[in-house]
Amino acid sequence: MKSLPTSLRLKLPFVIAGFLSFLFSVWLYFVKDETSAGIFVGLWVPSIHSLGTLLVCQVVEPARRARKEVSV
């Protein structure tokens, strides 16, 4: 089995957390009939993805720049 690329390995936990947050918000909103809680948890999704973008860009971009400088 092939190993996942580093950028995907770094992004995957945030994508999974965002998806689970989405499912939890839908469950709260429709199944438990907790509309306010469902909306509140639904707002976590973009926050989780934004945090992931911030952290991944701080890790991946400097590494790419360093490799580019070495190869030039």
PDB file of N, CA and C in Angstrom:
ATOM      1  N   MET A   1       0.834  -1.177   0.000  1.00  0.00           N
ATOM      2  CA  MET A   1       0.000   0.000   0.000  1.00  0.00           C
ATOM      3  C   MET A   1       0.879   1.242   0.000  1.00  0.00           C
ATOM      4  N   LYS A   2       0.514   2.194  -0.827  1.00  0.00           N
ATOM      5  CA  LYS A   2       1.306   3.402  -0.976  1.00  0.00           C
ATOM      6  C   LYS A   2       1.041   4.378   0.166  1.00  0.00           C
ATOM      7  N   SER A   3       2.076   5.061   0.585  1.00  0.00           N
ATOM      8  CA  SER A   3       1.955   6.054   1.638  1.00  0.00           C
ATOM      9  C   SER A   3       1.302   7.328   1.094  1.00  0.00           C
ATOM     10  N   LEU A   4       0.532   8.003   1.938  1.00  0.00           N
ATOM     11  CA  LEU A   4      -0.110   9.253   1.523  1.00  0.00           C
ATOM     12  C   LEU A   4       0.920  10.370   1.431  1.00  0.00           C
ATOM     13  N   PRO A   5       0.739  11.305   0.494  1.00  0.00           N
ATOM     14  CA  PRO A   5       1.643  12.457   0.429  1.00  0.00           C
ATOM     15  C   PRO A   5       1.550  13.281   1.715  1.00  0.00           C
ATOM     16  N   THR A   6       2.622  13.985   2.043  1.00  0.00           N
ATOM     17  CA  THR A   6       2.690  14.743   3.284  1.00  0.00           C
ATOM     18  C   THR A   6       1.582  15.785   3.377  1.00  0.00           C
ATOM     19  N   SER A   7       1.322  16.502   2.301  1.00  0.00           N
ATOM     20  CA  SER A   7       0.292  17.547   2.349  1.00  0.00           C
ATOM     21  C   SER A   7      -1.087  16.951   2.636  1.00  0.00           C
ATOM     22  N   LEU A   8      -1.383  15.789   2.060  1.00  0.00           N
ATOM     23  CA  LEU A   8      -2.669  15.147   2.317  1.00  0.00           C
ATOM     24  C   LEU A   8      -2.734  14.613   3.746  1.00  0.00           C
ATOM     25  N   ARG A   9      -1.622  14.058   4.226  1.00  0.00           N
ATOM     26  CA  ARG A   9      -1.577  13.563   5.604  1.00  0.00           C
ATOM     27  C   ARG A   9      -1.827  14.687   6.609  1.00  0.00           C
ATOM     28  N   LEU A  10      -1.371  15.895   6.304  1.00  0.00           N
ATOM     29  CA  LEU A  10      -1.576  17.029   7.195  1.00  0.00           C
ATOM     30  C   LEU A  10      -3.005  17.563   7.128  1.00  0.00           C
ATOM     31  N   LYS A  11      -3.626  17.497   5.958  1.00  0.00           N
ATOM     32  CA  LYS A  11      -4.968  18.044   5.769  1.00  0.00           C
ATOM     33  C   LYS A  11      -6.070  17.091   6.227  1.00  0.00           C
ATOM     34  N   LEU A  12      -5.831  15.808   6.172  1.00  0.00           N
ATOM     35  CA  LEU A  12      -6.864  14.811   6.431  1.00  0.00           C
ATOM     36  C   LEU A  12      -7.536  14.942   7.800  1.00  0.00           C
ATOM     37  N   PRO A  13      -6.821  15.157   8.903  1.00  0.00           N
ATOM     38  CA  PRO A  13      -7.509  15.287  10.196  1.00  0.00           C
ATOM     39  C   PRO A  13      -8.495  16.466  10.232  1.00  0.00           C
ATOM     40  N   PHE A  14      -8.166  17.556   9.570  1.00  0.00           N
ATOM     41  CA  PHE A  14      -9.056  18.714   9.567  1.00  0.00           C
ATOM     42  C   PHE A  14     -10.286  18.466   8.698  1.00  0.00           C
ATOM     43  N   VAL A  15     -10.111  17.778   7.593  1.00  0.00           N
ATOM     44  CA  VAL A  15     -11.249  17.436   6.737  1.00  0.00           C
ATOM     45  C   VAL A  15     -12.188  16.488   7.475  1.00  0.00           C
ATOM     46  N   ILE A  16     -11.634  15.492   8.145  1.00  0.00           N
ATOM     47  CA  ILE A  16     -12.447  14.530   8.899  1.00  0.00           C
ATOM     48  C   ILE A  16     -13.167  15.231  10.055  1.00  0.00           C
ATOM     49  N   ALA A  17     -12.456  16.090  10.784  1.00  0.00           N
ATOM     50  CA  ALA A  17     -13.074  16.813  11.902  1.00  0.00           C
ATOM     51  C   ALA A  17     -14.205  17.723  11.411  1.00  0.00           C
ATOM     52  N   GLY A  18     -14.001  18.390  10.287  1.00  0.00           N
ATOM     53  CA  GLY A  18     -15.050  19.237   9.727  1.00  0.00           C
ATOM     54  C   GLY A  18     -16.263  18.436   9.303  1.00  0.00           C
ATOM     55  N   PHE A  19     -16.029  17.285   8.693  1.00  0.00           N
ATOM     56  CA  PHE A  19     -17.139  16.437   8.260  1.00  0.00           C
ATOM     57  C   PHE A  19     -17.905  15.884   9.459  1.00  0.00           C
ATOM     58  N   LEU A  20     -17.189  15.458  10.491  1.00  0.00           N
ATOM     59  CA  LEU A  20     -17.864  14.959  11.693  1.00  0.00           C
ATOM     60  C   LEU A  20     -18.652  16.065  12.384  1.00  0.00           C
ATOM     61  N   SER A  21     -18.123  17.262  12.388  1.00  0.00           N
ATOM     62  CA  SER A  21     -18.839  18.403  12.955  1.00  0.00           C
ATOM     63  C   SER A  21     -20.119  18.671  12.162  1.00  0.00           C
ATOM     64  N   PHE A  22     -20.023  18.570  10.852  1.00  0.00           N
ATOM     65  CA  PHE A  22     -21.203  18.755  10.008  1.00  0.00           C
ATOM     66  C   PHE A  22     -22.263  17.701  10.316  1.00  0.00           C
ATOM     67  N   LEU A  23     -21.843  16.445  10.389  1.00  0.00           N
ATOM     68  CA  LEU A  23     -22.802  15.374  10.693  1.00  0.00           C
ATOM     69  C   LEU A  23     -23.434  15.570  12.068  1.00  0.00           C
ATOM     70  N   PHE A  24     -22.626  15.969  13.057  1.00  0.00           N
ATOM     71  CA  PHE A  24     -23.139  16.201  14.395  1.00  0.00           C
ATOM     72  C   PHE A  24     -24.145  17.352  14.406  1.00  0.00           C
ATOM     73  N   SER A  25     -23.882  18.404  13.638  1.00  0.00           N
ATOM     74  CA  SER A  25     -24.815  19.525  13.602  1.00  0.00           C
ATOM     75  C   SER A  25     -26.138  19.136  12.937  1.00  0.00           C
ATOM     76  N   VAL A  26     -26.059  18.331  11.884  1.00  0.00           N
ATOM     77  CA  VAL A  26     -27.289  17.859  11.229  1.00  0.00           C
ATOM     78  C   VAL A  26     -28.079  16.978  12.179  1.00  0.00           C
ATOM     79  N   TRP A  27     -27.397  16.116  12.921  1.00  0.00           N
ATOM     80  CA  TRP A  27     -28.054  15.246  13.888  1.00  0.00           C
ATOM     81  C   TRP A  27     -28.735  16.076  14.978  1.00  0.00           C
ATOM     82  N   LEU A  28     -28.035  17.080  15.502  1.00  0.00           N
ATOM     83  CA  LEU A  28     -28.632  17.937  16.529  1.00  0.00           C
ATOM     84  C   LEU A  28     -29.847  18.687  15.990  1.00  0.00           C
ATOM     85  N   TYR A  29     -29.718  19.219  14.794  1.00  0.00           N
ATOM     86  CA  TYR A  29     -30.770  20.060  14.223  1.00  0.00           C
ATOM     87  C   TYR A  29     -32.025  19.261  13.885  1.00  0.00           C
ATOM     88  N   PHE A  30     -31.851  18.121  13.208  1.00  0.00           N
ATOM     89  CA  PHE A  30     -33.012  17.389  12.721  1.00  0.00           C
ATOM     90  C   PHE A  30     -33.479  16.275  13.650  1.00  0.00           C
ATOM     91  N   VAL A  31     -32.560  15.525  14.231  1.00  0.00           N
ATOM     92  CA  VAL A  31     -32.948  14.365  15.042  1.00  0.00           C
ATOM     93  C   VAL A  31     -33.313  14.784  16.458  1.00  0.00           C
ATOM     94  N   LYS A  32     -32.444  15.556  17.101  1.00  0.00           N
ATOM     95  CA  LYS A  32     -32.679  15.966  18.485  1.00  0.00           C
ATOM     96  C   LYS A  32     -33.552  17.222  18.585  1.00  0.00           C
ATOM     97  N   ASP A  33     -33.838  17.861  17.460  1.00  0.00           N
ATOM     98  CA  ASP A  33     -34.656  19.074  17.401  1.00  0.00           C
ATOM     99  C   ASP A  33     -34.080  20.196  18.278  1.00  0.00           C
ATOM    100  N   GLU A  34     -32.765  20.255  18.321  1.00  0.00           N
ATOM    101  CA  GLU A  34     -32.044  21.324  19.021  1.00  0.00           C
ATOM    102  C   GLU A  34     -31.516  22.287  17.956  1.00  0.00           C
ATOM    103  N   THR A  35     -32.365  23.184  17.492  1.00  0.00           N
ATOM    104  CA  THR A  35     -31.996  24.020  16.357  1.00  0.00           C
ATOM    105  C   THR A  35     -30.834  24.959  16.685  1.00  0.00           C
ATOM    106  N   SER A  36     -30.858  25.578  17.850  1.00  0.00           N
ATOM    107  CA  SER A  36     -29.778  26.508  18.198  1.00  0.00           C
ATOM    108  C   SER A  36     -28.440  25.783  18.317  1.00  0.00           C
ATOM    109  N   ALA A  37     -28.448  24.630  18.968  1.00  0.00           N
ATOM    110  CA  ALA A  37     -27.213  23.859  19.117  1.00  0.00           C
ATOM    111  C   ALA A  37     -26.719  23.357  17.763  1.00  0.00           C
ATOM    112  N   GLY A  38     -27.637  22.942  16.901  1.00  0.00           N
ATOM    113  CA  GLY A  38     -27.257  22.484  15.571  1.00  0.00           C
ATOM    114  C   GLY A  38     -26.608  23.576  14.743  1.00  0.00           C
ATOM    115  N   ILE A  39     -27.156  24.780  14.819  1.00  0.00           N
ATOM    116  CA  ILE A  39     -26.567  25.906  14.095  1.00  0.00           C
ATOM    117  C   ILE A  39     -25.203  26.248  14.675  1.00  0.00           C
ATOM    118  N   PHE A  40     -25.095  26.247  16.000  1.00  0.00           N
ATOM    119  CA  PHE A  40     -23.830  26.562  16.657  1.00  0.00           C
ATOM    120  C   PHE A  40     -22.740  25.567  16.253  1.00  0.00           C
ATOM    121  N   VAL A  41     -23.046  24.295  16.298  1.00  0.00           N
ATOM    122  CA  VAL A  41     -22.063  23.284  15.922  1.00  0.00           C
ATOM    123  C   VAL A  41     -21.768  23.359  14.425  1.00  0.00           C
ATOM    124  N   GLY A  42     -22.757  23.715  13.626  1.00  0.00           N
ATOM    125  CA  GLY A  42     -22.533  23.874  12.189  1.00  0.00           C
ATOM    126  C   GLY A  42     -21.533  24.979  11.875  1.00  0.00           C
ATOM    127  N   LEU A  43     -21.446  25.966  12.749  1.00  0.00           N
ATOM    128  CA  LEU A  43     -20.472  27.045  12.550  1.00  0.00           C
ATOM    129  C   LEU A  43     -19.047  26.597  12.841  1.00  0.00           C
ATOM    130  N   TRP A  44     -18.885  25.443  13.446  1.00  0.00           N
ATOM    131  CA  TRP A  44     -17.542  24.928  13.700  1.00  0.00           C
ATOM    132  C   TRP A  44     -16.858  24.505  12.404  1.00  0.00           C
ATOM    133  N   VAL A  45     -17.621  24.071  11.430  1.00  0.00           N
ATOM    134  CA  VAL A  45     -17.044  23.520  10.195  1.00  0.00           C
ATOM    135  C   VAL A  45     -16.092  24.508   9.509  1.00  0.00           C
ATOM    136  N   PRO A  46     -16.518  25.729   9.185  1.00  0.00           N
ATOM    137  CA  PRO A  46     -15.564  26.642   8.555  1.00  0.00           C
ATOM    138  C   PRO A  46     -14.418  27.029   9.484  1.00  0.00           C
ATOM    139  N   SER A  47     -14.686  27.043  10.788  1.00  0.00           N
ATOM    140  CA  SER A  47     -13.612  27.363  11.736  1.00  0.00           C
ATOM    141  C   SER A  47     -12.539  26.282  11.739  1.00  0.00           C
ATOM    142  N   ILE A  48     -12.965  25.033  11.716  1.00  0.00           N
ATOM    143  CA  ILE A  48     -12.018  23.912  11.679  1.00  0.00           C
ATOM    144  C   ILE A  48     -11.213  23.942  10.384  1.00  0.00           C
ATOM    145  N   HIS A  49     -11.889  24.174   9.272  1.00  0.00           N
ATOM    146  CA  HIS A  49     -11.189  24.207   7.987  1.00  0.00           C
ATOM    147  C   HIS A  49     -10.242  25.402   7.890  1.00  0.00           C
ATOM    148  N   SER A  50     -10.634  26.536   8.458  1.00  0.00           N
ATOM    149  CA  SER A  50      -9.740  27.701   8.468  1.00  0.00           C
ATOM    150  C   SER A  50      -8.505  27.443   9.323  1.00  0.00           C
ATOM    151  N   LEU A  51      -8.694  26.829  10.476  1.00  0.00           N
ATOM    152  CA  LEU A  51      -7.556  26.482  11.325  1.00  0.00           C
ATOM    153  C   LEU A  51      -6.627  25.519  10.592  1.00  0.00           C
ATOM    154  N   GLY A  52      -7.197  24.541   9.916  1.00  0.00           N
ATOM    155  CA  GLY A  52      -6.385  23.605   9.149  1.00  0.00           C
ATOM    156  C   GLY A  52      -5.594  24.290   8.056  1.00  0.00           C
ATOM    157  N   THR A  53      -6.229  25.211   7.348  1.00  0.00           N
ATOM    158  CA  THR A  53      -5.538  25.958   6.297  1.00  0.00           C
ATOM    159  C   THR A  53      -4.387  26.769   6.868  1.00  0.00           C
ATOM    160  N   LEU A  54      -4.647  27.431   7.972  1.00  0.00           N
ATOM    161  CA  LEU A  54      -3.613  28.239   8.612  1.00  0.00           C
ATOM    162  C   LEU A  54      -2.416  27.384   9.023  1.00  0.00           C
ATOM    163  N   LEU A  55      -2.685  26.273   9.692  1.00  0.00           N
ATOM    164  CA  LEU A  55      -1.597  25.432  10.182  1.00  0.00           C
ATOM    165  C   LEU A  55      -0.860  24.717   9.054  1.00  0.00           C
ATOM    166  N   VAL A  56      -1.586  24.215   8.072  1.00  0.00           N
ATOM    167  CA  VAL A  56      -0.943  23.497   6.973  1.00  0.00           C
ATOM    168  C   VAL A  56      -0.092  24.445   6.137  1.00  0.00           C
ATOM    169  N   CYS A  57      -0.572  25.644   5.894  1.00  0.00           N
ATOM    170  CA  CYS A  57       0.219  26.606   5.112  1.00  0.00           C
ATOM    171  C   CYS A  57       1.484  27.008   5.842  1.00  0.00           C
ATOM    172  N   GLN A  58       1.469  27.037   7.141  1.00  0.00           N
ATOM    173  CA  GLN A  58       2.665  27.377   7.898  1.00  0.00           C
ATOM    174  C   GLN A  58       3.674  26.239   7.884  1.00  0.00           C
ATOM    175  N   VAL A  59       3.230  25.016   7.695  1.00  0.00           N
ATOM    176  CA  VAL A  59       4.135  23.868   7.685  1.00  0.00           C
ATOM    177  C   VAL A  59       4.590  23.532   6.270  1.00  0.00           C
ATOM    178  N   VAL A  60       3.673  23.493   5.320  1.00  0.00           N
ATOM    179  CA  VAL A  60       3.973  23.014   3.973  1.00  0.00           C
ATOM    180  C   VAL A  60       4.702  24.073   3.144  1.00  0.00           C
ATOM    181  N   GLU A  61       4.242  25.314   3.160  1.00  0.00           N
ATOM    182  CA  GLU A  61       4.835  26.347   2.311  1.00  0.00           C
ATOM    183  C   GLU A  61       6.314  26.599   2.617  1.00  0.00           C
ATOM    184  N   PRO A  62       6.728  26.751   3.898  1.00  0.00           N
ATOM    185  CA  PRO A  62       8.162  26.935   4.145  1.00  0.00           C
ATOM    186  C   PRO A  62       9.005  25.743   3.670  1.00  0.00           C
ATOM    187  N   ALA A  63       8.456  24.545   3.791  1.00  0.00           N
ATOM    188  CA  ALA A  63       9.188  23.366   3.323  1.00  0.00           C
ATOM    189  C   ALA A  63       9.345  23.401   1.804  1.00  0.00           C
ATOM    190  N   ARG A  64       8.307  23.832   1.096  1.00  0.00           N
ATOM    191  CA  ARG A  64       8.393  23.937  -0.369  1.00  0.00           C
ATOM    192  C   ARG A  64       9.423  24.986  -0.774  1.00  0.00           C
ATOM    193  N   ARG A  65       9.405  26.120  -0.084  1.00  0.00           N
ATOM    194  CA  ARG A  65      10.373  27.174  -0.402  1.00  0.00           C
ATOM    195  C   ARG A  65      11.797  26.703  -0.143  1.00  0.00           C
ATOM    196  N   ALA A  66      11.992  25.989   0.947  1.00  0.00           N
ATOM    197  CA  ALA A  66      13.334  25.495   1.282  1.00  0.00           C
ATOM    198  C   ALA A  66      13.825  24.514   0.218  1.00  0.00           C
ATOM    199  N   ARG A  67      12.952  23.621  -0.263  1.00  0.00           N
ATOM    200  CA  ARG A  67      13.342  22.673  -1.308  1.00  0.00           C
ATOM    201  C   ARG A  67      13.651  23.408  -2.603  1.00  0.00           C
ATOM    202  N   LYS A  68      12.878  24.447  -2.910  1.00  0.00           N
ATOM    203  CA  LYS A  68      13.083  25.199  -4.143  1.00  0.00           C
ATOM    204  C   LYS A  68      14.433  25.933  -4.098  1.00  0.00           C
ATOM    205  N   GLU A  69      14.776  26.495  -2.957  1.00  0.00           N
ATOM    206  CA  GLU A  69      16.040  27.211  -2.819  1.00  0.00           C
ATOM    207  C   GLU A  69      17.233  26.269  -2.925  1.00  0.00           C
ATOM    208  N   VAL A  70      17.102  25.066  -2.400  1.00  0.00           N
ATOM    209  CA  VAL A  70      18.182  24.090  -2.453  1.00  0.00           C
ATOM    210  C   VAL A  70      18.395  23.601  -3.873  1.00  0.00           C
ATOM    211  N   SER A  71      17.295  23.400  -4.618  1.00  0.00           N
ATOM    212  CA  SER A  71      17.427  22.851  -5.960  1.00  0.00           C
ATOM    213  C   SER A  71      17.904  23.884  -6.986  1.00  0.00           C
ATOM    214  N   VAL A  72      17.794  25.163  -6.680  1.00  0.00           N
ATOM    215  CA  VAL A  72      18.193  26.198  -7.643  1.00  0.00           C
ATOM    216  C   VAL A  72      19.657  26.406  -7.656  1.00  0.00           C
TER     217      VAL A  72
END
